Amino acid sequence: MGNTPTIHNQAVKGQIAPAVLMPGDPKRAGYIAENYLKDAVLVSNVRGIPVYTGSFEGTPVTVMASGMGCGSMGIYSHELFFDYDVECIIRVGTAGGLQPDLRIRDIIMALSASTDSGFDRQFELPAPFSPCASFSLAMAAAGEAEKRGISIKAGMFFSGAAFHYTDEYLKRWQKVGALAAEMETAALYMNAAAAGKEALALCTVTDKVFEEEHCTVEERQERLDEMIVIALKAAARRTQR
């Protein structure tokens, strides 16, 4: 394991919990810490990426923003897994729905993630890497959602290297069944696989890719509570087992 602090994280080992929630947006990280964690403490804030550690229903939990894209997620999740001994990371993000039956505010789960980012080249594998979610975390999240009467759709995400694609390009991903487009899940799952750790991505559909329908900036930051609670419950269950 590496040394702490790292160049991207001021926290020392012991200040980061074994279970981490990672929203993309730094403001959403603050929202989660303020509204859901007991006795949350800001343990790092390098380059505007806040890291809070507190507890949820008696279980230590850290919340850290990932920033945008495979590169940013790749840096932070790698250090969490390899330097801070983190055992599981749950991404709580937003995504653009690709499938026509998805609605705004639907919660979706990535069972696997495809990417055009080239992030997998570092592993020097003889074929493309197809990283998957942790089965136990996925089952925990699905169970919590069922208890609350919330339907979660599960399938493949497309983690794009870019944000602005042509409709023609994204329709190819729609055709092969990708639920949604986002930018971080593939890197998270690859790092988890490399570290022998667990990861899961839950996202709320905040816009429909081929339609003029979307959530506001404020809703993206502060109104994703159902997904956040499901993730926290799943993280707590994983930590306690």
C-alpha atoms as a PDB file:
ATOM      1  CA  MET A   1       0.000   0.000   0.000  1.00  0.00           C
ATOM      2  CA  GLY A   2       1.106   3.566  -0.609  1.00  0.00           C
ATOM      3  CA  ASN A   3       1.870   6.419   1.710  1.00  0.00           C
ATOM      4  CA  THR A   4      -0.590   9.065   2.856  1.00  0.00           C
ATOM      5  CA  PRO A   5      -1.289  11.894   2.425  1.00  0.00           C
ATOM      6  CA  THR A   6      -1.107  11.675  -1.366  1.00  0.00           C
ATOM      7  CA  ILE A   7      -0.606  14.593  -3.725  1.00  0.00           C
ATOM      8  CA  HIS A   8      -4.372  14.632  -4.349  1.00  0.00           C
ATOM      9  CA  ASN A   9      -5.657  13.945  -0.829  1.00  0.00           C
ATOM     10  CA  GLN A  10      -4.635  15.623   2.445  1.00  0.00           C
ATOM     11  CA  ALA A  11      -6.155  12.905   4.639  1.00  0.00           C
ATOM     12  CA  VAL A  12      -3.906  10.480   6.455  1.00  0.00           C
ATOM     13  CA  LYS A  13      -4.639   6.771   6.732  1.00  0.00           C
ATOM     14  CA  GLY A  14      -7.359   6.230   9.286  1.00  0.00           C
ATOM     15  CA  GLN A  15      -9.267   9.374   8.299  1.00  0.00           C
ATOM     16  CA  ILE A  16     -10.912   7.636   5.335  1.00  0.00           C
ATOM     17  CA  ALA A  17     -13.588   5.032   6.092  1.00  0.00           C
ATOM     18  CA  PRO A  18     -13.588   1.558   4.469  1.00  0.00           C
ATOM     19  CA  ALA A  19     -16.778   2.529   2.586  1.00  0.00           C
ATOM     20  CA  VAL A  20     -16.823   5.616   0.353  1.00  0.00           C
ATOM     21  CA  LEU A  21     -19.606   7.330  -1.583  1.00  0.00           C
ATOM     22  CA  MET A  22     -18.420   9.246  -4.639  1.00  0.00           C
ATOM     23  CA  PRO A  23     -20.672  11.812  -6.297  1.00  0.00           C
ATOM     24  CA  GLY A  24     -19.138  13.615  -9.232  1.00  0.00           C
ATOM     25  CA  ASP A  25     -20.101  17.084  -8.024  1.00  0.00           C
ATOM     26  CA  PRO A  26     -18.181  18.565  -5.048  1.00  0.00           C
ATOM     27  CA  LYS A  27     -21.339  20.407  -3.947  1.00  0.00           C
ATOM     28  CA  ARG A  28     -23.245  17.122  -3.856  1.00  0.00           C
ATOM     29  CA  ALA A  29     -20.522  15.688  -1.635  1.00  0.00           C
ATOM     30  CA  GLY A  30     -21.093  18.551   0.789  1.00  0.00           C
ATOM     31  CA  TYR A  31     -24.843  18.045   0.604  1.00  0.00           C
ATOM     32  CA  ILE A  32     -24.527  14.358   1.498  1.00  0.00           C
ATOM     33  CA  ALA A  33     -22.151  15.054   4.377  1.00  0.00           C
ATOM     34  CA  GLU A  34     -24.349  17.813   5.798  1.00  0.00           C
ATOM     35  CA  ASN A  35     -27.646  15.977   5.495  1.00  0.00           C
ATOM     36  CA  TYR A  36     -26.788  12.319   6.034  1.00  0.00           C
ATOM     37  CA  LEU A  37     -23.542  11.890   7.970  1.00  0.00           C
ATOM     38  CA  LYS A  38     -23.295  12.301  11.715  1.00  0.00           C
ATOM     39  CA  ASP A  39     -20.316  14.303  13.009  1.00  0.00           C
ATOM     40  CA  ALA A  40     -18.929  14.761   9.490  1.00  0.00           C
ATOM     41  CA  VAL A  41     -15.419  16.219   9.357  1.00  0.00           C
ATOM     42  CA  LEU A  42     -13.718  17.708   6.310  1.00  0.00           C
ATOM     43  CA  VAL A  43     -10.479  15.700   6.130  1.00  0.00           C
ATOM     44  CA  SER A  44      -9.234  16.951   2.744  1.00  0.00           C
ATOM     45  CA  ASN A  45      -9.993  19.653   0.201  1.00  0.00           C
ATOM     46  CA  VAL A  46      -7.262  19.552  -2.428  1.00  0.00           C
ATOM     47  CA  ARG A  47      -8.079  21.284  -5.737  1.00  0.00           C
ATOM     48  CA  GLY A  48     -11.647  21.887  -4.612  1.00  0.00           C
ATOM     49  CA  ILE A  49     -12.390  18.175  -4.124  1.00  0.00           C
ATOM     50  CA  PRO A  50     -13.850  17.853  -0.610  1.00  0.00           C
ATOM     51  CA  VAL A  51     -13.544  14.681   1.452  1.00  0.00           C
ATOM     52  CA  TYR A  52     -15.817  14.239   4.485  1.00  0.00           C
ATOM     53  CA  THR A  53     -15.794  11.392   6.988  1.00  0.00           C
ATOM     54  CA  GLY A  54     -18.587  10.767   9.472  1.00  0.00           C
ATOM     55  CA  SER A  55     -21.020   7.981  10.217  1.00  0.00           C
ATOM     56  CA  PHE A  56     -24.339   6.757   8.876  1.00  0.00           C
ATOM     57  CA  GLU A  57     -26.460   4.755  11.319  1.00  0.00           C
ATOM     58  CA  GLY A  58     -23.340   3.942  13.296  1.00  0.00           C
ATOM     59  CA  THR A  59     -21.231   2.897  10.292  1.00  0.00           C
ATOM     60  CA  PRO A  60     -18.177   4.993   9.318  1.00  0.00           C
ATOM     61  CA  VAL A  61     -18.619   6.435   5.825  1.00  0.00           C
ATOM     62  CA  THR A  62     -16.540   8.826   3.739  1.00  0.00           C
ATOM     63  CA  VAL A  63     -17.945  11.015   0.974  1.00  0.00           C
ATOM     64  CA  MET A  64     -15.540  12.280  -1.688  1.00  0.00           C
ATOM     65  CA  ALA A  65     -16.234  13.976  -4.995  1.00  0.00           C
ATOM     66  CA  SER A  66     -14.768  12.273  -8.046  1.00  0.00           C
ATOM     67  CA  GLY A  67     -14.833  15.142 -10.501  1.00  0.00           C
ATOM     68  CA  MET A  68     -15.694  14.460 -14.135  1.00  0.00           C
ATOM     69  CA  GLY A  69     -14.384  11.786 -16.455  1.00  0.00           C
ATOM     70  CA  CYS A  70     -12.412   8.556 -16.282  1.00  0.00           C
ATOM     71  CA  GLY A  71      -9.176  10.440 -15.660  1.00  0.00           C
ATOM     72  CA  SER A  72     -10.416  12.193 -12.536  1.00  0.00           C
ATOM     73  CA  MET A  73     -12.300   9.177 -11.201  1.00  0.00           C
ATOM     74  CA  GLY A  74      -9.264   7.058 -11.997  1.00  0.00           C
ATOM     75  CA  ILE A  75      -6.931   9.157  -9.855  1.00  0.00           C
ATOM     76  CA  TYR A  76      -9.154   9.422  -6.794  1.00  0.00           C
ATOM     77  CA  SER A  77     -10.500   5.880  -6.745  1.00  0.00           C
ATOM     78  CA  HIS A  78      -7.018   4.414  -7.309  1.00  0.00           C
ATOM     79  CA  GLU A  79      -5.640   6.282  -4.300  1.00  0.00           C
ATOM     80  CA  LEU A  80      -8.619   5.320  -2.160  1.00  0.00           C
ATOM     81  CA  PHE A  81      -8.234   1.628  -2.973  1.00  0.00           C
ATOM     82  CA  PHE A  82      -4.450   1.378  -2.985  1.00  0.00           C
ATOM     83  CA  ASP A  83      -3.323   4.050  -0.491  1.00  0.00           C
ATOM     84  CA  TYR A  84      -6.209   4.361   1.973  1.00  0.00           C
ATOM     85  CA  ASP A  85      -7.285   0.700   2.213  1.00  0.00           C
ATOM     86  CA  VAL A  86     -10.835   1.501   1.102  1.00  0.00           C
ATOM     87  CA  GLU A  87     -12.846  -1.687   0.606  1.00  0.00           C
ATOM     88  CA  CYS A  88     -15.796  -0.417  -1.411  1.00  0.00           C
ATOM     89  CA  ILE A  89     -16.769   2.658  -3.402  1.00  0.00           C
ATOM     90  CA  ILE A  90     -20.284   3.471  -4.527  1.00  0.00           C
ATOM     91  CA  ARG A  91     -20.623   6.117  -7.208  1.00  0.00           C
ATOM     92  CA  VAL A  92     -23.752   8.223  -6.733  1.00  0.00           C
ATOM     93  CA  GLY A  93     -23.914  10.120  -9.974  1.00  0.00           C
ATOM     94  CA  THR A  94     -26.054  11.494 -12.744  1.00  0.00           C
ATOM     95  CA  ALA A  95     -26.439  10.145 -16.248  1.00  0.00           C
ATOM     96  CA  GLY A  96     -28.149  10.788 -19.544  1.00  0.00           C
ATOM     97  CA  GLY A  97     -30.781   8.174 -20.306  1.00  0.00           C
ATOM     98  CA  LEU A  98     -30.331   6.422 -23.653  1.00  0.00           C
ATOM     99  CA  GLN A  99     -33.254   4.007 -23.582  1.00  0.00           C
ATOM    100  CA  PRO A 100     -36.716   5.389 -24.443  1.00  0.00           C
ATOM    101  CA  ASP A 101     -38.421   3.776 -21.430  1.00  0.00           C
ATOM    102  CA  LEU A 102     -36.248   5.661 -18.925  1.00  0.00           C
ATOM    103  CA  ARG A 103     -37.751   8.676 -17.181  1.00  0.00           C
ATOM    104  CA  ILE A 104     -36.215  11.687 -15.482  1.00  0.00           C
ATOM    105  CA  ARG A 105     -35.357  10.833 -11.830  1.00  0.00           C
ATOM    106  CA  ASP A 106     -35.228   7.069 -12.526  1.00  0.00           C
ATOM    107  CA  ILE A 107     -32.463   5.322 -10.565  1.00  0.00           C
ATOM    108  CA  ILE A 108     -30.251   3.048 -12.637  1.00  0.00           C
ATOM    109  CA  MET A 109     -27.454   0.633 -11.740  1.00  0.00           C
ATOM    110  CA  ALA A 110     -24.406  -0.257 -13.812  1.00  0.00           C
ATOM    111  CA  LEU A 111     -23.856  -4.009 -13.911  1.00  0.00           C
ATOM    112  CA  SER A 112     -21.034  -3.348 -16.367  1.00  0.00           C
ATOM    113  CA  ALA A 113     -19.488  -0.375 -18.138  1.00  0.00           C
ATOM    114  CA  SER A 114     -18.168   0.108 -21.655  1.00  0.00           C
ATOM    115  CA  THR A 115     -15.860   2.971 -22.552  1.00  0.00           C
ATOM    116  CA  ASP A 116     -14.094   4.625 -25.465  1.00  0.00           C
ATOM    117  CA  SER A 117     -11.679   6.388 -23.104  1.00  0.00           C
ATOM    118  CA  GLY A 118      -8.657   4.105 -23.463  1.00  0.00           C
ATOM    119  CA  PHE A 119      -8.429   3.859 -19.662  1.00  0.00           C
ATOM    120  CA  ASP A 120      -7.977   0.085 -19.917  1.00  0.00           C
ATOM    121  CA  ARG A 121      -4.756   0.313 -21.954  1.00  0.00           C
ATOM    122  CA  GLN A 122      -2.689   0.653 -18.793  1.00  0.00           C
ATOM    123  CA  PHE A 123      -3.550  -2.944 -17.879  1.00  0.00           C
ATOM    124  CA  GLU A 124      -2.002  -4.238 -21.131  1.00  0.00           C
ATOM    125  CA  LEU A 125      -4.651  -6.899 -21.605  1.00  0.00           C
ATOM    126  CA  PRO A 126      -4.846  -8.842 -24.889  1.00  0.00           C
ATOM    127  CA  ALA A 127      -8.470  -7.725 -25.476  1.00  0.00           C
ATOM    128  CA  PRO A 128     -10.831  -4.943 -24.329  1.00  0.00           C
ATOM    129  CA  PHE A 129     -11.566  -4.891 -20.590  1.00  0.00           C
ATOM    130  CA  SER A 130     -15.245  -5.275 -19.618  1.00  0.00           C
ATOM    131  CA  PRO A 131     -15.378  -4.383 -15.896  1.00  0.00           C
ATOM    132  CA  CYS A 132     -18.392  -5.298 -13.782  1.00  0.00           C
ATOM    133  CA  ALA A 133     -20.027  -4.195 -10.559  1.00  0.00           C
ATOM    134  CA  SER A 134     -19.641  -5.967  -7.241  1.00  0.00           C
ATOM    135  CA  PHE A 135     -22.454  -8.525  -7.099  1.00  0.00           C
ATOM    136  CA  SER A 136     -22.832  -8.175  -3.321  1.00  0.00           C
ATOM    137  CA  LEU A 137     -23.090  -4.382  -3.488  1.00  0.00           C
ATOM    138  CA  ALA A 138     -25.549  -4.604  -6.373  1.00  0.00           C
ATOM    139  CA  MET A 139     -27.704  -7.046  -4.422  1.00  0.00           C
ATOM    140  CA  ALA A 140     -27.546  -4.846  -1.312  1.00  0.00           C
ATOM    141  CA  ALA A 141     -28.634  -1.778  -3.274  1.00  0.00           C
ATOM    142  CA  ALA A 142     -31.400  -3.668  -5.066  1.00  0.00           C
ATOM    143  CA  GLY A 143     -32.649  -5.010  -1.730  1.00  0.00           C
ATOM    144  CA  GLU A 144     -32.752  -1.554  -0.152  1.00  0.00           C
ATOM    145  CA  ALA A 145     -34.602  -0.168  -3.160  1.00  0.00           C
ATOM    146  CA  GLU A 146     -37.169  -2.965  -2.981  1.00  0.00           C
ATOM    147  CA  LYS A 147     -37.781  -2.258   0.721  1.00  0.00           C
ATOM    148  CA  ARG A 148     -38.625   1.318  -0.225  1.00  0.00           C
ATOM    149  CA  GLY A 149     -40.817   0.391  -3.179  1.00  0.00           C
ATOM    150  CA  ILE A 150     -38.348   1.946  -5.618  1.00  0.00           C
ATOM    151  CA  SER A 151     -37.732   0.327  -8.976  1.00  0.00           C
ATOM    152  CA  ILE A 152     -34.113   0.227 -10.163  1.00  0.00           C
ATOM    153  CA  LYS A 153     -33.207  -0.581 -13.736  1.00  0.00           C
ATOM    154  CA  ALA A 154     -29.888  -2.396 -14.150  1.00  0.00           C
ATOM    155  CA  GLY A 155     -27.673  -2.906 -17.172  1.00  0.00           C
ATOM    156  CA  MET A 156     -24.660  -1.562 -19.043  1.00  0.00           C
ATOM    157  CA  PHE A 157     -23.477   2.045 -18.869  1.00  0.00           C
ATOM    158  CA  PHE A 158     -21.472   3.793 -21.565  1.00  0.00           C
ATOM    159  CA  SER A 159     -18.653   5.781 -19.930  1.00  0.00           C
ATOM    160  CA  GLY A 160     -17.629   8.268 -22.584  1.00  0.00           C
ATOM    161  CA  ALA A 161     -14.291   9.996 -22.890  1.00  0.00           C
ATOM    162  CA  ALA A 162     -16.215  13.040 -24.117  1.00  0.00           C
ATOM    163  CA  PHE A 163     -19.440  14.729 -23.097  1.00  0.00           C
ATOM    164  CA  HIS A 164     -20.660  16.091 -26.429  1.00  0.00           C
ATOM    165  CA  TYR A 165     -21.287  13.281 -28.918  1.00  0.00           C
ATOM    166  CA  THR A 166     -23.394  13.187 -32.042  1.00  0.00           C
ATOM    167  CA  ASP A 167     -26.788  11.536 -31.766  1.00  0.00           C
ATOM    168  CA  GLU A 168     -25.683   9.025 -34.388  1.00  0.00           C
ATOM    169  CA  TYR A 169     -22.771   7.877 -32.208  1.00  0.00           C
ATOM    170  CA  LEU A 170     -24.870   7.515 -29.063  1.00  0.00           C
ATOM    171  CA  LYS A 171     -27.665   5.697 -30.880  1.00  0.00           C
ATOM    172  CA  ARG A 172     -25.194   2.912 -31.597  1.00  0.00           C
ATOM    173  CA  TRP A 173     -24.794   2.452 -27.848  1.00  0.00           C
ATOM    174  CA  GLN A 174     -28.557   2.636 -27.415  1.00  0.00           C
ATOM    175  CA  LYS A 175     -28.965  -0.122 -29.982  1.00  0.00           C
ATOM    176  CA  VAL A 176     -26.727  -2.552 -28.073  1.00  0.00           C
ATOM    177  CA  GLY A 177     -28.631  -1.916 -24.843  1.00  0.00           C
ATOM    178  CA  ALA A 178     -26.633   0.722 -22.961  1.00  0.00           C
ATOM    179  CA  LEU A 179     -28.957   2.224 -20.363  1.00  0.00           C
ATOM    180  CA  ALA A 180     -27.252   5.570 -20.104  1.00  0.00           C
ATOM    181  CA  ALA A 181     -24.236   7.686 -20.932  1.00  0.00           C
ATOM    182  CA  GLU A 182     -21.951   9.097 -18.251  1.00  0.00           C
ATOM    183  CA  MET A 183     -18.187   9.466 -17.818  1.00  0.00           C
ATOM    184  CA  GLU A 184     -16.817   7.745 -14.709  1.00  0.00           C
ATOM    185  CA  THR A 185     -18.070   4.216 -14.048  1.00  0.00           C
ATOM    186  CA  ALA A 186     -15.669   2.268 -16.279  1.00  0.00           C
ATOM    187  CA  ALA A 187     -12.606   3.721 -14.535  1.00  0.00           C
ATOM    188  CA  LEU A 188     -14.063   3.003 -11.097  1.00  0.00           C
ATOM    189  CA  TYR A 189     -14.846  -0.619 -11.981  1.00  0.00           C
ATOM    190  CA  MET A 190     -11.438  -1.192 -13.557  1.00  0.00           C
ATOM    191  CA  ASN A 191      -9.603   0.163 -10.523  1.00  0.00           C
ATOM    192  CA  ALA A 192     -11.743  -1.938  -8.203  1.00  0.00           C
ATOM    193  CA  ALA A 193     -10.939  -5.049 -10.232  1.00  0.00           C
ATOM    194  CA  ALA A 194      -7.220  -4.249 -10.224  1.00  0.00           C
ATOM    195  CA  ALA A 195      -7.269  -3.729  -6.455  1.00  0.00           C
ATOM    196  CA  GLY A 196      -9.449  -6.739  -5.676  1.00  0.00           C
ATOM    197  CA  LYS A 197     -12.019  -4.418  -4.088  1.00  0.00           C
ATOM    198  CA  GLU A 198     -15.735  -3.718  -4.579  1.00  0.00           C
ATOM    199  CA  ALA A 199     -17.476  -0.986  -6.552  1.00  0.00           C
ATOM    200  CA  LEU A 200     -20.960  -0.058  -7.681  1.00  0.00           C
ATOM    201  CA  ALA A 201     -22.368   2.807  -9.716  1.00  0.00           C
ATOM    202  CA  LEU A 202     -25.843   4.137  -9.029  1.00  0.00           C
ATOM    203  CA  CYS A 203     -27.012   7.051 -11.130  1.00  0.00           C
ATOM    204  CA  THR A 204     -30.138   9.144 -11.352  1.00  0.00           C
ATOM    205  CA  VAL A 205     -31.321   9.944 -14.863  1.00  0.00           C
ATOM    206  CA  THR A 206     -31.139  13.727 -15.023  1.00  0.00           C
ATOM    207  CA  ASP A 207     -31.670  14.144 -18.742  1.00  0.00           C
ATOM    208  CA  LYS A 208     -32.872  12.228 -21.783  1.00  0.00           C
ATOM    209  CA  VAL A 209     -30.106  12.214 -24.377  1.00  0.00           C
ATOM    210  CA  PHE A 210     -32.340  12.424 -27.430  1.00  0.00           C
ATOM    211  CA  GLU A 211     -35.011  14.671 -25.919  1.00  0.00           C
ATOM    212  CA  GLU A 212     -35.198  18.195 -24.505  1.00  0.00           C
ATOM    213  CA  GLU A 213     -35.916  17.024 -20.981  1.00  0.00           C
ATOM    214  CA  HIS A 214     -33.562  17.499 -18.047  1.00  0.00           C
ATOM    215  CA  CYS A 215     -33.174  18.373 -14.366  1.00  0.00           C
ATOM    216  CA  THR A 216     -31.982  21.792 -13.268  1.00  0.00           C
ATOM    217  CA  VAL A 217     -28.491  22.412 -11.887  1.00  0.00           C
ATOM    218  CA  GLU A 218     -29.970  22.733  -8.392  1.00  0.00           C
ATOM    219  CA  GLU A 219     -31.827  19.424  -8.713  1.00  0.00           C
ATOM    220  CA  ARG A 220     -28.606  17.698  -9.818  1.00  0.00           C
ATOM    221  CA  GLN A 221     -26.838  18.977  -6.720  1.00  0.00           C
ATOM    222  CA  GLU A 222     -29.489  18.516  -4.073  1.00  0.00           C
ATOM    223  CA  ARG A 223     -32.491  16.385  -5.070  1.00  0.00           C
ATOM    224  CA  LEU A 224     -31.142  12.898  -5.565  1.00  0.00           C
ATOM    225  CA  ASP A 225     -32.038  11.729  -2.076  1.00  0.00           C
ATOM    226  CA  GLU A 226     -33.578   8.342  -2.884  1.00  0.00           C
ATOM    227  CA  MET A 227     -30.395   7.213  -4.636  1.00  0.00           C
ATOM    228  CA  ILE A 228     -28.184   8.588  -1.844  1.00  0.00           C
ATOM    229  CA  VAL A 229     -30.074   6.726   0.885  1.00  0.00           C
ATOM    230  CA  ILE A 230     -29.995   3.453  -1.081  1.00  0.00           C
ATOM    231  CA  ALA A 231     -26.233   3.828  -1.544  1.00  0.00           C
ATOM    232  CA  LEU A 232     -25.624   4.626   2.126  1.00  0.00           C
ATOM    233  CA  LYS A 233     -27.694   1.637   3.251  1.00  0.00           C
ATOM    234  CA  ALA A 234     -25.841  -0.648   0.818  1.00  0.00           C
ATOM    235  CA  ALA A 235     -22.452   0.659   1.994  1.00  0.00           C
ATOM    236  CA  ALA A 236     -23.413   0.147   5.626  1.00  0.00           C
ATOM    237  CA  ARG A 237     -24.612  -3.382   4.960  1.00  0.00           C
ATOM    238  CA  ARG A 238     -21.390  -4.238   3.126  1.00  0.00           C
ATOM    239  CA  THR A 239     -19.221  -2.846   5.943  1.00  0.00           C
ATOM    240  CA  GLN A 240     -21.124  -4.739   8.635  1.00  0.00           C
ATOM    241  CA  ARG A 241     -21.027  -8.174   7.029  1.00  0.00           C
END
